[in-house]
Protein backbone atom coordinates (compact mmCIF):
# COMPACT_ATOMS: atom_id res chain seq x y z
CA MET A 1 0.00 0.00 0.00
CA ARG A 2 2.76 2.45 0.89
CA ILE A 3 4.36 2.30 -2.56
CA ILE A 4 1.04 2.88 -4.36
CA LEU A 5 0.07 5.67 -1.96
CA MET A 6 3.43 7.40 -2.36
CA ILE A 7 3.32 7.21 -6.15
CA SER A 8 -0.28 8.42 -6.39
CA LEU A 9 0.38 11.22 -3.91
CA TRP A 10 3.46 12.39 -5.81
CA VAL A 11 1.48 12.43 -9.05
CA GLY A 12 -1.32 14.34 -7.31
CA LEU A 13 1.07 16.96 -6.02
CA GLN A 14 2.56 17.79 -9.39
CA ILE A 15 1.42 20.89 -11.24
CA PRO A 16 -0.55 19.65 -14.27
CA MET A 17 0.68 20.53 -17.75
CA PHE A 18 -2.90 21.26 -18.82
CA ALA A 19 -5.71 22.97 -16.96
CA GLY A 20 -8.76 21.00 -15.95
CA ILE A 21 -9.72 17.59 -14.64
CA ASN A 22 -7.34 14.71 -15.32
CA PHE A 23 -9.56 11.69 -16.02
CA PHE A 24 -8.45 8.18 -15.09
CA GLU A 25 -7.63 6.16 -18.20
CA GLY A 26 -8.26 2.71 -16.72
CA SER A 27 -11.49 0.75 -16.42
CA TYR A 28 -14.29 1.18 -13.90
CA GLU A 29 -13.09 -1.91 -12.04
CA GLU A 30 -9.56 -0.54 -11.88
CA ALA A 31 -10.88 2.78 -10.56
CA LEU A 32 -12.74 0.91 -7.80
CA ALA A 33 -9.58 -0.93 -6.81
CA LEU A 34 -7.61 2.32 -6.71
CA ALA A 35 -10.33 4.03 -4.65
CA LYS A 36 -10.17 1.21 -2.08
CA GLU A 37 -6.39 1.42 -1.94
CA GLU A 38 -6.25 5.19 -1.62
CA ARG A 39 -9.47 5.55 0.42
CA LYS A 40 -10.79 8.09 -2.07
CA ILE A 41 -14.07 8.95 -3.75
CA ILE A 42 -14.53 8.26 -7.46
CA PHE A 43 -16.14 11.10 -9.41
CA ILE A 44 -17.96 9.65 -12.43
CA ASP A 45 -19.24 11.67 -15.34
CA ALA A 46 -21.99 9.40 -16.74
CA TYR A 47 -22.60 10.87 -20.18
CA ALA A 48 -23.81 10.11 -23.70
CA SER A 49 -22.01 11.17 -26.85
CA TRP A 50 -25.08 12.95 -28.26
CA CYS A 51 -25.86 14.90 -25.05
CA GLY A 52 -25.55 18.68 -25.47
CA PRO A 53 -25.04 19.62 -21.80
CA CYS A 54 -22.45 16.83 -21.54
CA LYS A 55 -20.47 18.40 -24.38
CA VAL A 56 -20.70 21.83 -22.80
CA MET A 57 -19.35 20.53 -19.49
CA ALA A 58 -16.54 18.65 -21.22
CA LYS A 59 -15.52 21.75 -23.16
CA ASN A 60 -16.17 24.59 -20.73
CA VAL A 61 -16.32 23.21 -17.18
CA PHE A 62 -14.03 20.20 -16.84
CA THR A 63 -11.28 22.28 -18.47
CA GLN A 64 -11.33 25.07 -15.87
CA GLN A 65 -8.16 25.42 -13.81
CA GLU A 66 -9.94 25.80 -10.46
CA VAL A 67 -12.21 22.84 -11.15
CA GLY A 68 -9.24 20.72 -12.15
CA ASP A 69 -7.23 21.72 -9.10
CA TYR A 70 -10.05 20.68 -6.76
CA TYR A 71 -11.05 17.46 -8.48
CA ASN A 72 -7.51 16.25 -9.19
CA SER A 73 -6.60 16.80 -5.55
CA ASN A 74 -9.62 15.07 -4.03
CA PHE A 75 -11.02 12.45 -6.39
CA ILE A 76 -10.29 9.67 -8.83
CA ASN A 77 -12.03 11.06 -11.92
CA LEU A 78 -13.65 8.80 -14.49
CA LYS A 79 -15.73 9.41 -17.64
CA LEU A 80 -18.14 6.67 -18.75
CA ASP A 81 -20.08 6.71 -22.00
CA MET A 82 -23.26 5.02 -20.83
CA GLU A 83 -24.02 3.65 -24.30
CA LYS A 84 -20.75 1.79 -24.63
CA LYS A 85 -19.36 -1.45 -23.23
CA GLU A 86 -17.06 0.46 -20.84
CA ALA A 87 -20.11 1.29 -18.67
CA THR A 88 -21.48 -2.27 -18.41
CA ALA A 89 -20.09 -3.01 -14.94
CA PHE A 90 -21.12 0.40 -13.64
CA LYS A 91 -24.71 -0.06 -14.87
CA ARG A 92 -25.06 -3.26 -12.86
CA SER A 93 -25.00 -1.11 -9.71
CA PHE A 94 -26.28 2.29 -10.83
CA SER A 95 -28.99 3.49 -13.20
CA VAL A 96 -28.98 6.68 -15.24
CA SER A 97 -32.19 8.25 -16.53
CA ALA A 98 -30.85 11.65 -17.68
CA TYR A 99 -27.58 13.05 -18.96
CA PRO A 100 -25.26 14.06 -17.60
CA THR A 101 -25.57 12.37 -14.22
CA LEU A 102 -22.61 12.97 -11.96
CA PHE A 103 -21.84 10.30 -9.37
CA PHE A 104 -19.60 10.32 -6.32
CA ILE A 105 -19.04 6.76 -5.06
CA ASP A 106 -16.55 4.99 -2.81
CA GLY A 107 -14.45 1.92 -3.57
CA GLU A 108 -17.19 -0.39 -2.27
CA GLU A 109 -19.68 1.11 -4.75
CA ASN A 110 -21.56 3.00 -2.04
CA LEU A 111 -23.21 6.13 -3.39
CA VAL A 112 -21.88 9.20 -1.58
CA HIS A 113 -23.60 11.89 -3.65
CA LYS A 114 -25.30 12.32 -7.04
CA ILE A 115 -26.44 15.26 -9.13
CA VAL A 116 -28.36 15.27 -12.39
CA GLY A 117 -27.83 17.85 -15.11
CA GLY A 118 -25.10 20.17 -16.29
CA GLN A 119 -23.20 22.32 -13.81
CA ASN A 120 -21.05 25.41 -14.04
CA GLY A 121 -17.62 25.50 -12.43
CA ALA A 122 -18.79 26.81 -9.07
CA GLY A 123 -21.65 24.32 -8.96
CA LEU A 124 -19.35 21.41 -9.71
CA ILE A 125 -16.88 22.43 -7.00
CA GLY A 126 -19.79 22.84 -4.58
CA ALA A 127 -21.02 19.34 -5.41
CA GLY A 128 -17.53 17.99 -4.77
CA GLU A 129 -17.32 19.77 -1.43
CA LEU A 130 -20.66 18.31 -0.40
CA ALA A 131 -19.51 14.82 -1.38
CA MET A 132 -16.31 15.24 0.62
CA SER A 133 -18.27 16.37 3.67
CA LYS A 134 -20.26 13.11 3.55
CA PHE A 135 -17.18 10.90 3.20
CA ASP A 136 -15.29 10.53 6.47
CA VAL A 137 -12.38 8.10 6.28
CA SER A 138 -10.39 9.86 8.97
CA THR A 139 -11.27 7.18 11.54
CA ASP A 140 -9.53 4.57 9.36
CA TYR A 141 -6.41 6.72 9.20
CA ALA A 142 -6.62 7.39 12.94
CA ALA A 143 -6.47 3.67 13.72
CA ASP A 144 -3.35 3.21 11.57
CA TYR A 145 -1.76 6.33 13.04
CA GLU A 146 -2.33 5.11 16.59
CA ALA A 147 -0.80 1.80 15.55
CA GLY A 148 2.42 3.63 14.67
CA GLU A 149 2.15 4.45 10.96
CA ARG A 150 4.29 7.54 10.27
CA ASP A 151 5.01 7.45 6.57
CA PRO A 152 4.92 11.09 5.30
CA ALA A 153 2.53 10.26 2.46
CA PHE A 154 0.20 8.52 4.90
CA ILE A 155 0.27 11.49 7.30
CA TYR A 156 -0.50 13.86 4.42
CA GLU A 157 -3.57 11.81 3.48
CA TYR A 158 -4.61 11.60 7.14
CA VAL A 159 -4.46 15.39 7.47
CA LYS A 160 -6.38 15.75 4.24
CA ALA A 161 -9.08 13.36 5.50
CA LEU A 162 -9.37 15.27 8.77
CA ASN A 163 -9.71 18.56 6.91
CA ALA A 164 -12.34 17.15 4.56
CA SER A 165 -14.36 16.03 7.60
CA ASN A 166 -13.94 19.39 9.36
CA LYS A 167 -11.95 17.81 12.17
CA ASN A 168 -8.92 19.32 13.89
CA SER A 169 -5.81 18.38 11.92
CA LEU A 170 -3.38 20.83 13.55
CA PRO A 171 -1.95 18.46 16.22
CA ILE A 172 -1.08 15.83 13.58
CA SER A 173 0.31 18.45 11.18
CA ASN A 174 2.45 20.12 13.82
CA LYS A 175 3.91 16.82 15.01
CA TYR A 176 5.00 16.02 11.47
CA LEU A 177 6.39 19.45 10.60
CA ILE A 178 8.44 19.66 13.81
CA THR A 179 10.41 16.62 12.62
CA GLN A 180 11.33 18.22 9.28
CA LYS A 181 14.67 19.97 8.83
CA ASP A 182 13.94 21.21 5.30
CA LEU A 183 10.48 22.67 4.81
CA SER A 184 11.23 23.91 1.29
CA THR A 185 10.91 20.55 -0.46
CA ASP A 186 7.96 20.17 -2.83
CA PHE A 187 6.38 17.57 -0.57
CA ASN A 188 6.69 19.64 2.61
CA LEU A 189 5.43 22.76 0.87
CA SER A 190 2.41 20.78 -0.28
CA PHE A 191 1.96 19.54 3.27
CA ILE A 192 2.03 23.11 4.62
CA TYR A 193 -0.50 24.12 1.95
CA GLU A 194 -2.91 21.37 3.01
CA ALA A 195 -2.29 21.88 6.75
CA ASN A 196 -2.99 25.63 6.70
CA VAL A 197 -6.47 25.61 8.25
CA ALA A 198 -6.36 28.43 10.84
CA CYS A 199 -4.46 31.70 11.00
CA ASP A 200 -3.94 31.47 14.78
CA SER A 201 -1.35 28.74 14.28
CA ARG A 202 2.35 28.22 13.65
CA ILE A 203 1.49 26.62 10.31
CA PHE A 204 -0.04 29.87 9.05
CA SER A 205 3.28 31.57 9.76
CA LEU A 206 5.07 28.87 7.77
CA PHE A 207 2.55 29.38 4.96
CA GLU A 208 3.32 33.11 4.95
CA LYS A 209 7.07 32.46 4.99
CA HIS A 210 6.87 30.21 1.94
CA LYS A 211 4.06 32.09 0.19
CA ASP A 212 6.06 32.88 -2.97
CA GLN A 213 6.97 29.23 -3.45
CA LEU A 214 3.38 28.18 -2.86
CA VAL A 215 2.14 30.72 -5.40
CA ALA A 216 4.56 29.24 -7.92
CA MET A 217 3.17 25.76 -7.20
CA TYR A 218 -0.56 26.45 -6.89
CA GLY A 219 -1.20 29.88 -8.33
CA LYS A 220 -2.02 33.21 -6.70
CA ASP A 221 -5.80 32.68 -6.56
CA ALA A 222 -5.54 29.27 -4.86
CA VAL A 223 -3.09 30.60 -2.27
CA GLN A 224 -5.30 33.59 -1.55
CA LYS A 225 -8.27 31.27 -1.12
CA LYS A 226 -6.34 29.20 1.43
CA ILE A 227 -5.42 32.35 3.35
CA LYS A 228 -9.04 33.51 3.48
CA SER A 229 -10.21 30.04 4.53
CA ALA A 230 -7.68 29.94 7.39
CA CYS A 231 -8.70 33.41 8.58
CA THR A 232 -12.38 32.49 8.31
CA ASN A 233 -11.83 29.40 10.47
CA THR A 234 -10.12 31.51 13.13
CA MET A 235 -13.00 33.98 12.93
CA LYS A 236 -15.45 31.10 13.54
CA LYS A 237 -13.38 30.09 16.55
CA ALA A 238 -13.62 33.68 17.81
CA LEU A 239 -17.40 33.44 17.59
CA GLU A 240 -17.45 30.09 19.36
CA TYR A 241 -15.30 31.29 22.28
CA ASP A 242 -16.49 34.93 22.27
CA SER A 243 -12.88 36.04 21.80
CA GLN A 244 -12.24 39.59 20.62
CA ASP A 245 -8.52 38.81 20.43
CA LEU A 246 -9.02 35.93 17.99
CA LEU A 247 -11.36 38.07 15.88
CA GLU A 248 -8.81 40.86 15.65
CA GLU A 249 -6.07 38.36 14.81
CA ALA A 250 -8.15 37.06 11.91
CA HIS A 251 -8.74 40.62 10.68
CA GLU A 252 -5.09 41.63 10.95
CA LYS A 253 -3.71 38.55 9.22
CA TYR A 254 -6.21 38.64 6.37
CA ALA A 255 -5.42 42.33 5.82
CA ARG A 256 -1.74 41.44 5.26
CA HIS A 257 -2.62 39.59 2.07
CA ALA A 258 -5.94 40.91 0.74
CA PRO A 259 -6.79 44.07 -1.21
CA LYS A 260 -7.92 46.86 1.11
CA LYS A 261 -11.60 46.66 0.11
CA ASP A 262 -11.71 42.86 0.52
CA ALA A 263 -10.05 43.13 3.91
CA LEU A 264 -12.54 45.76 5.03
CA ARG A 265 -15.48 43.63 3.92
CA PHE A 266 -14.10 40.59 5.74
CA GLU A 267 -13.62 42.66 8.89
CA LEU A 268 -17.10 44.19 8.79
CA GLU A 269 -18.98 40.99 7.95
CA SER A 270 -17.21 38.98 10.65
CA SER A 271 -17.70 41.78 13.18
CA ILE A 272 -21.43 41.84 12.39
CA ARG A 273 -21.66 38.13 13.19
CA PHE A 274 -19.63 38.66 16.36
CA GLU A 275 -21.89 41.45 17.65
CA ARG A 276 -25.02 39.54 16.64
CA ASP A 277 -23.93 36.54 18.70
CA ARG A 278 -23.35 38.89 21.64
CA ASP A 279 -26.88 40.31 21.23
CA ALA A 280 -25.29 43.72 20.62
CA TYR A 281 -27.94 44.72 18.09
CA GLU A 282 -27.23 48.45 17.92
CA LYS A 283 -23.59 47.72 17.06
CA MET A 284 -24.73 45.12 14.56
CA LEU A 285 -26.95 47.62 12.74
CA SER A 286 -24.23 50.27 12.76
CA LEU A 287 -21.78 47.81 11.18
CA ILE A 288 -24.29 46.75 8.52
CA LYS A 289 -24.79 50.40 7.57
CA LYS A 290 -21.02 50.85 7.31
CA LEU A 291 -20.72 47.67 5.24
CA ASN A 292 -23.44 48.82 2.86
CA LYS A 293 -21.89 52.25 2.40
CA SER A 294 -18.31 50.99 2.01
CA CYS A 295 -18.58 47.67 0.17
CA LEU A 296 -22.04 46.95 -1.26
CA LYS A 297 -22.72 49.87 -3.58
CA GLU A 298 -23.19 47.66 -6.66
CA ASP A 299 -23.94 44.34 -4.94
CA ALA A 300 -27.69 43.67 -5.08
CA LYS A 301 -27.33 40.07 -3.91
CA ALA A 302 -25.50 41.11 -0.73
CA LYS A 303 -28.03 43.86 -0.03
CA ILE A 304 -30.82 41.27 -0.15
CA LYS A 305 -28.83 38.96 2.12
CA TRP A 306 -28.39 41.64 4.80
CA SER A 307 -31.96 42.85 4.37
CA LYS A 308 -33.11 39.31 5.24
CA GLU A 309 -30.73 39.25 8.21
CA LEU A 310 -32.21 42.48 9.58
CA ASP A 311 -35.75 41.28 8.97
CA VAL A 312 -35.24 38.57 11.61
CA TYR A 313 -35.09 41.29 14.27
CA ALA A 314 -37.36 43.91 12.65
CA HIS A 315 -40.40 43.07 14.78
CA ASP A 316 -38.49 44.12 17.89
CA PHE A 317 -36.40 46.98 16.47
CA ARG A 318 -38.00 49.64 14.26
CA ASP A 319 -34.58 50.79 13.03
CA PHE A 320 -33.96 47.28 11.69
CA GLU A 321 -37.27 47.42 9.81
CA ASP A 322 -36.39 50.73 8.18
CA TYR A 323 -32.94 49.61 7.08
CA ALA A 324 -34.14 46.20 5.88
CA LEU A 325 -36.52 48.06 3.57
CA LYS A 326 -33.79 50.48 2.50
CA LEU A 327 -31.51 47.62 1.48
CA ALA A 328 -34.35 45.91 -0.40
CA GLU A 329 -35.17 49.14 -2.23
CA GLU A 330 -31.54 49.62 -3.21
CA ALA A 331 -31.35 46.02 -4.41
CA VAL A 332 -34.31 46.37 -6.80
CA GLU A 333 -32.85 49.61 -8.13
CA LEU A 334 -29.65 47.73 -9.00
CA GLU A 335 -31.29 44.52 -10.21
CA GLU A 336 -34.99 44.39 -11.00
CA SER A 337 -35.32 40.63 -10.76
CA LEU A 338 -38.48 38.82 -9.74
CA SER A 339 -36.87 37.43 -6.58
CA ASN A 340 -35.66 40.88 -5.46
CA TRP A 341 -39.07 42.48 -6.00
CA GLN A 342 -40.73 39.56 -4.23
CA HIS A 343 -38.49 40.03 -1.18
CA TYR A 344 -39.26 43.75 -1.09
CA TYR A 345 -42.98 43.03 -1.40
CA ASP A 346 -42.91 40.44 1.39
CA LEU A 347 -41.25 42.94 3.72
CA LEU A 348 -43.85 45.60 2.97
CA VAL A 349 -46.74 43.20 3.60
CA THR A 350 -45.21 41.90 6.82
CA TYR A 351 -44.39 45.32 8.24
CA ASN A 352 -47.78 46.69 7.20
CA GLU A 353 -49.46 44.14 9.46
CA TYR A 354 -48.00 45.57 12.65
CA SER A 355 -46.87 49.08 11.68
CA ALA A 356 -48.78 52.35 11.75
CA ASN A 357 -46.92 53.55 8.64
CA SER A 358 -49.67 54.20 6.09
CA SER A 359 -47.19 54.67 3.24
CA TYR A 360 -46.69 50.89 3.15
CA THR A 361 -50.19 50.34 1.69
CA LYS A 362 -49.52 52.53 -1.33
CA ARG A 363 -46.13 50.93 -1.95
CA ILE A 364 -47.63 47.45 -1.68
CA GLN A 365 -50.08 48.32 -4.46
CA GLU A 366 -47.30 49.69 -6.65
CA VAL A 367 -45.11 46.62 -6.18
CA GLU A 368 -48.05 44.28 -6.85
CA LEU A 369 -48.35 45.82 -10.32
CA ILE A 370 -44.63 45.25 -10.94
CA LEU A 371 -44.84 41.65 -9.78
CA ASP A 372 -47.87 41.01 -12.00
CA ALA A 373 -45.92 42.33 -14.99
CA LEU A 374 -42.84 40.24 -14.17
CA ASN A 375 -44.92 37.09 -13.74
CA GLN A 376 -46.59 37.40 -17.16
C-alpha cells in the first residue's frame, strides 16, 4: 500500500501541464480498486455522446483550472459513455435516466452523492465539497496512526481526510512538521499548503514564509483562497469562544494579504456576526450600515442577504425594519429581478401588518403591479 500511496500522492502533487480535470484512463473496475487502496471517492461523469449539456461541461467546465485543481486533488475522476461497453459493470449497480448524471461513489460502490444535469464551475466544485463532507475516512487513518504508521505520504492523506471532515488536523500536522529539517521541499510545501487551516497557528506563519513558493506551485488565486479560509476558520473560533482577540487576529492577518476593500469587507462581515452573537444589536446595525456604504454599492445580492438578516429582528427593532426596507429598495434599483421584487414586497406586507406607517399600503399596491408584470 505504501508504494502505491506514495506514487499516487506524488502524481497528485505535481502541477498539471494542462488545466482541468485529469480523467483516469483505466477501467471502472480498476478505478474501484484504486479508490479502495487510496481511500478516495470516485467522481464519475456518466454521459452520452449525443448529449448537449455533456459536451458543454466537457468543453467549458471540466477544463477550468480551479475545477481541475479541486477534483484532481480530491477524487479519482472517471468518464463513462453510458451507451458503450465500458459502462457495463457500472450499470449493474447504478442506473442513469438523464444526462449528464454525476456520481460520487466509494471503492465499495456505495453512493456518496449524485447530481443530475449540467453544472457550471462553481456548482461542480460545490457538489464535490458536499460529497467530501459526507465521506469521512479519517477514523480509518486514525487507527493506523495510533498503531504507529508515520510514513509522510500517509500522514498527508490523514491530514487531508481530517480537513475534509472538518476535524482538527493541527496536532497531527504540527507533530510532522516539527520533525522536518527542510520545509522547502515540494512535498513539505504541499503539506504546509494542506495543513494551513487556521491563522492562529504556527502553520499559518510557515505558509506566509513560503508564500512565494506556494504561489509558484498552486497559483495566486488558490493561495489567496487558502489564506481567506484559514482566517475564516479563526473567525469562527472567535465566535465560538467569544474572543475579541481571535477576531482581531483574523482581521489583521487577512489584511496582510488581501486588497484593502476585501479586507474591510471581511472585517465588517465577521464583526457583524460577532456582535449579533453577543446580542449587541445596535452595534450590529451600525456595522451593517457601514458595510453597505463601504462595500455593497453595486452588490444587489449582498443587499438582499443583509436585508433578510435584519428582517429577523425587525419586529423588535424599528430601526432594523427601516434599514431592511432600505436595502431591499436599493437592491431592486440595482437589479430588477423577480426574486428581489418579491423580497421587497414580502417585507412591505409583513411590516404593514404591525406598523402604523400608512405609506406601506400605497407601496404594496405599486409593487403588486410590478410583480404582476414580471410574472406574465
